[in-house]
Amino acid sequence: MFTGTKVRLRPLEPDDAPSLWRWGADPEVVRWMNAGYPESLAQLTRRHLERDTNSYATTLLGIETLGDDKLVGAIRLRDAQPELGMAQLDLWIGEKDQWGRGLASDAMRVMCRYGFEEMRLHRIELWVVADNVAARRVYEKVGFVQEGVARDGFRRGGKWHDMVMMGLLEGELR
């Protein structure tokens, strides 16, 4: 487990599936995500149990609040390439009553520190919908900078949105 000032990151457990399913079924939570097709709790539980174990290529961890050990989200480093020293980062805070409390920033710092110090990454990047102002603020707060834009890269509610690519280099984490 990896601990920050507000959160602990830990491997996901089978009994976490109901929380993941509930978050995925909430339109407000998945508003800016490619949530895929709807699935039942049984389907998600099966997929969750059958997923590959954490490895250098993909590390998926649950985000728990310190003190009450409540699962509030998930964070993942994926597509890690040791030859290039880089990986993609995904973040999801599913418990809406925890939004705006600094948990996302803390989880990002902990995961990026793990990526740079333990995985020996040099670069971590992510993609975010340009209109997702709250997420962009979190990413900038921890040191990510905008590096590019994919015009009309995301479609939601019949409208196209630009996607912003952001990057963080080793030594830039705040």
Protein backbone atom coordinates (compact mmCIF):
# COMPACT_ATOMS: atom_id res chain seq x y z
CA MET A 1 0.00 0.00 0.00
CA PHE A 2 1.13 3.52 -0.78
CA THR A 3 0.10 6.36 1.50
CA GLY A 4 -0.24 10.09 0.98
CA THR A 5 -1.53 12.77 3.33
CA LYS A 6 -5.22 12.02 2.65
CA VAL A 7 -5.38 8.70 0.80
CA ARG A 8 -3.95 5.21 0.67
CA LEU A 9 -3.60 3.35 -2.62
CA ARG A 10 -4.15 -0.40 -2.45
CA PRO A 11 -4.88 -3.30 -4.79
CA LEU A 12 -8.56 -3.70 -5.64
CA GLU A 13 -10.37 -6.60 -4.00
CA PRO A 14 -13.30 -8.70 -5.27
CA ASP A 15 -15.67 -7.02 -2.82
CA ASP A 16 -14.85 -3.63 -4.42
CA ALA A 17 -16.87 -4.58 -7.53
CA PRO A 18 -20.22 -3.18 -6.26
CA SER A 19 -18.66 0.26 -5.74
CA LEU A 20 -17.06 0.22 -9.20
CA TRP A 21 -20.38 -0.84 -10.73
CA ARG A 22 -22.33 1.87 -8.87
CA TRP A 23 -19.88 4.57 -10.00
CA GLY A 24 -20.00 3.34 -13.59
CA ALA A 25 -23.79 3.54 -13.58
CA ASP A 26 -23.84 7.15 -12.37
CA PRO A 27 -24.04 9.57 -15.35
CA GLU A 28 -22.50 12.40 -13.33
CA VAL A 29 -19.47 10.29 -12.37
CA VAL A 30 -18.80 9.04 -15.91
CA ARG A 31 -19.70 12.28 -17.66
CA TRP A 32 -16.19 12.83 -19.04
CA MET A 33 -15.15 9.18 -19.34
CA ASN A 34 -15.30 6.54 -22.03
CA ALA A 35 -17.39 4.28 -19.84
CA GLY A 36 -18.05 1.66 -22.50
CA TYR A 37 -21.29 -0.24 -22.71
CA PRO A 38 -23.56 -0.81 -19.71
CA GLU A 39 -22.91 -4.04 -17.86
CA SER A 40 -24.53 -5.86 -14.98
CA LEU A 41 -22.92 -6.18 -11.59
CA ALA A 42 -22.33 -9.88 -12.36
CA GLN A 43 -20.53 -9.00 -15.62
CA LEU A 44 -18.35 -6.38 -13.94
CA THR A 45 -17.55 -8.74 -11.06
CA ARG A 46 -16.52 -11.49 -13.49
CA ARG A 47 -14.38 -9.07 -15.54
CA HIS A 48 -12.85 -7.70 -12.35
CA LEU A 49 -11.95 -11.20 -11.12
CA GLU A 50 -10.48 -12.19 -14.50
CA ARG A 51 -8.34 -9.11 -15.08
CA ASP A 52 -4.59 -9.50 -15.20
CA THR A 53 -2.61 -9.01 -12.02
CA ASN A 54 -0.79 -5.74 -11.51
CA SER A 55 2.50 -5.57 -13.38
CA TYR A 56 4.91 -3.06 -14.85
CA ALA A 57 2.64 -2.69 -17.88
CA THR A 58 -0.51 -1.92 -15.88
CA THR A 59 -0.94 -1.12 -12.20
CA LEU A 60 -4.52 -0.51 -11.02
CA LEU A 61 -5.09 0.53 -7.42
CA GLY A 62 -8.05 1.56 -5.32
CA ILE A 63 -8.06 4.94 -3.58
CA GLU A 64 -9.07 4.82 0.10
CA THR A 65 -9.48 7.75 2.46
CA LEU A 66 -7.19 7.67 5.46
CA GLY A 67 -8.92 7.12 8.78
CA ASP A 68 -12.09 5.42 7.62
CA ASP A 69 -10.56 3.25 4.85
CA LYS A 70 -13.47 4.09 2.51
CA LEU A 71 -12.92 3.22 -1.16
CA VAL A 72 -13.56 6.44 -3.09
CA GLY A 73 -11.93 5.83 -6.47
CA ALA A 74 -9.31 4.11 -8.56
CA ILE A 75 -6.07 5.12 -10.24
CA ARG A 76 -4.04 3.33 -12.88
CA LEU A 77 -0.68 3.55 -14.60
CA ARG A 78 -1.04 1.71 -17.89
CA ASP A 79 0.77 1.06 -21.13
CA ALA A 80 4.10 1.46 -19.32
CA GLN A 81 7.05 0.99 -21.63
CA PRO A 82 10.42 0.49 -19.94
CA GLU A 83 12.26 1.20 -23.20
CA LEU A 84 10.69 4.67 -23.34
CA GLY A 85 10.35 5.27 -19.60
CA MET A 86 6.76 6.39 -19.93
CA ALA A 87 3.21 5.41 -18.97
CA GLN A 88 -0.38 6.70 -19.20
CA LEU A 89 -2.31 7.67 -16.07
CA ASP A 90 -6.06 7.32 -15.42
CA LEU A 91 -7.88 8.63 -12.34
CA TRP A 92 -11.43 8.12 -11.14
CA ILE A 93 -13.05 9.50 -7.99
CA GLY A 94 -16.42 7.75 -7.90
CA GLU A 95 -17.79 8.94 -4.57
CA LYS A 96 -19.31 12.34 -5.39
CA ASP A 97 -19.45 13.39 -1.73
CA GLN A 98 -15.62 13.21 -1.75
CA TRP A 99 -15.15 15.54 -4.74
CA GLY A 100 -13.31 18.77 -4.01
CA ARG A 101 -11.53 17.49 -0.89
CA GLY A 102 -8.03 17.14 -2.39
CA LEU A 103 -8.18 13.35 -2.62
CA ALA A 104 -7.53 13.29 -6.37
CA SER A 105 -4.45 15.51 -6.05
CA ASP A 106 -3.07 13.39 -3.23
CA ALA A 107 -3.71 10.14 -5.13
CA MET A 108 -2.02 11.58 -8.22
CA ARG A 109 1.05 12.58 -6.23
CA VAL A 110 1.34 9.15 -4.61
CA MET A 111 0.92 7.27 -7.90
CA CYS A 112 3.29 9.54 -9.83
CA ARG A 113 5.91 9.25 -7.09
CA TYR A 114 5.57 5.46 -7.35
CA GLY A 115 5.94 5.67 -11.13
CA PHE A 116 9.05 7.84 -11.00
CA GLU A 117 10.79 6.30 -7.99
CA GLU A 118 9.87 2.60 -8.17
CA MET A 119 9.09 2.03 -11.83
CA ARG A 120 11.87 4.36 -12.98
CA LEU A 121 9.60 6.20 -15.38
CA HIS A 122 10.77 9.47 -16.87
CA ARG A 123 7.39 10.64 -18.19
CA ILE A 124 3.74 10.17 -17.25
CA GLU A 125 1.02 11.43 -19.55
CA LEU A 126 -2.75 11.57 -19.60
CA TRP A 127 -5.65 12.68 -21.75
CA VAL A 128 -8.51 14.79 -20.42
CA VAL A 129 -11.61 16.32 -22.02
CA ALA A 130 -10.87 20.04 -22.48
CA ASP A 131 -14.20 21.00 -20.87
CA ASN A 132 -13.43 19.00 -17.71
CA VAL A 133 -12.12 22.05 -15.87
CA ALA A 134 -12.04 20.43 -12.41
CA ALA A 135 -9.85 17.54 -13.58
CA ARG A 136 -7.50 19.83 -15.50
CA ARG A 137 -7.08 21.95 -12.34
CA VAL A 138 -6.11 18.82 -10.35
CA TYR A 139 -3.57 17.76 -12.96
CA GLU A 140 -2.02 21.22 -13.20
CA LYS A 141 -1.86 21.44 -9.40
CA VAL A 142 0.45 18.41 -9.25
CA GLY A 143 2.62 19.64 -12.13
CA PHE A 144 1.13 18.31 -15.38
CA VAL A 145 1.36 20.71 -18.33
CA GLN A 146 -0.68 20.82 -21.51
CA GLU A 147 1.30 19.46 -24.45
CA GLY A 148 -1.27 19.05 -27.18
CA VAL A 149 -4.90 18.96 -28.27
CA ALA A 150 -6.83 16.34 -30.21
CA ARG A 151 -9.67 18.27 -31.80
CA ASP A 152 -13.10 16.63 -31.46
CA GLY A 153 -11.54 13.63 -29.74
CA PHE A 154 -14.48 12.80 -27.44
CA ARG A 155 -18.21 12.63 -28.08
CA ARG A 156 -20.82 12.92 -25.33
CA GLY A 157 -24.48 13.83 -25.57
CA GLY A 158 -24.34 14.39 -29.31
CA LYS A 159 -21.56 16.97 -29.02
CA TRP A 160 -17.86 16.68 -29.84
CA HIS A 161 -15.24 17.89 -27.33
CA ASP A 162 -11.52 18.44 -27.68
CA MET A 163 -9.13 16.22 -25.74
CA VAL A 164 -6.06 17.72 -24.07
CA MET A 165 -2.86 15.72 -23.69
CA MET A 166 -0.91 16.59 -20.54
CA GLY A 167 2.49 15.40 -19.43
CA LEU A 168 4.63 15.32 -16.31
CA LEU A 169 8.36 14.67 -16.36
CA GLU A 170 10.45 13.19 -13.60
CA GLY A 171 11.42 16.04 -11.27
CA GLU A 172 8.33 18.17 -12.05
CA LEU A 173 5.94 16.64 -9.49
CA ARG A 174 4.60 19.24 -7.03
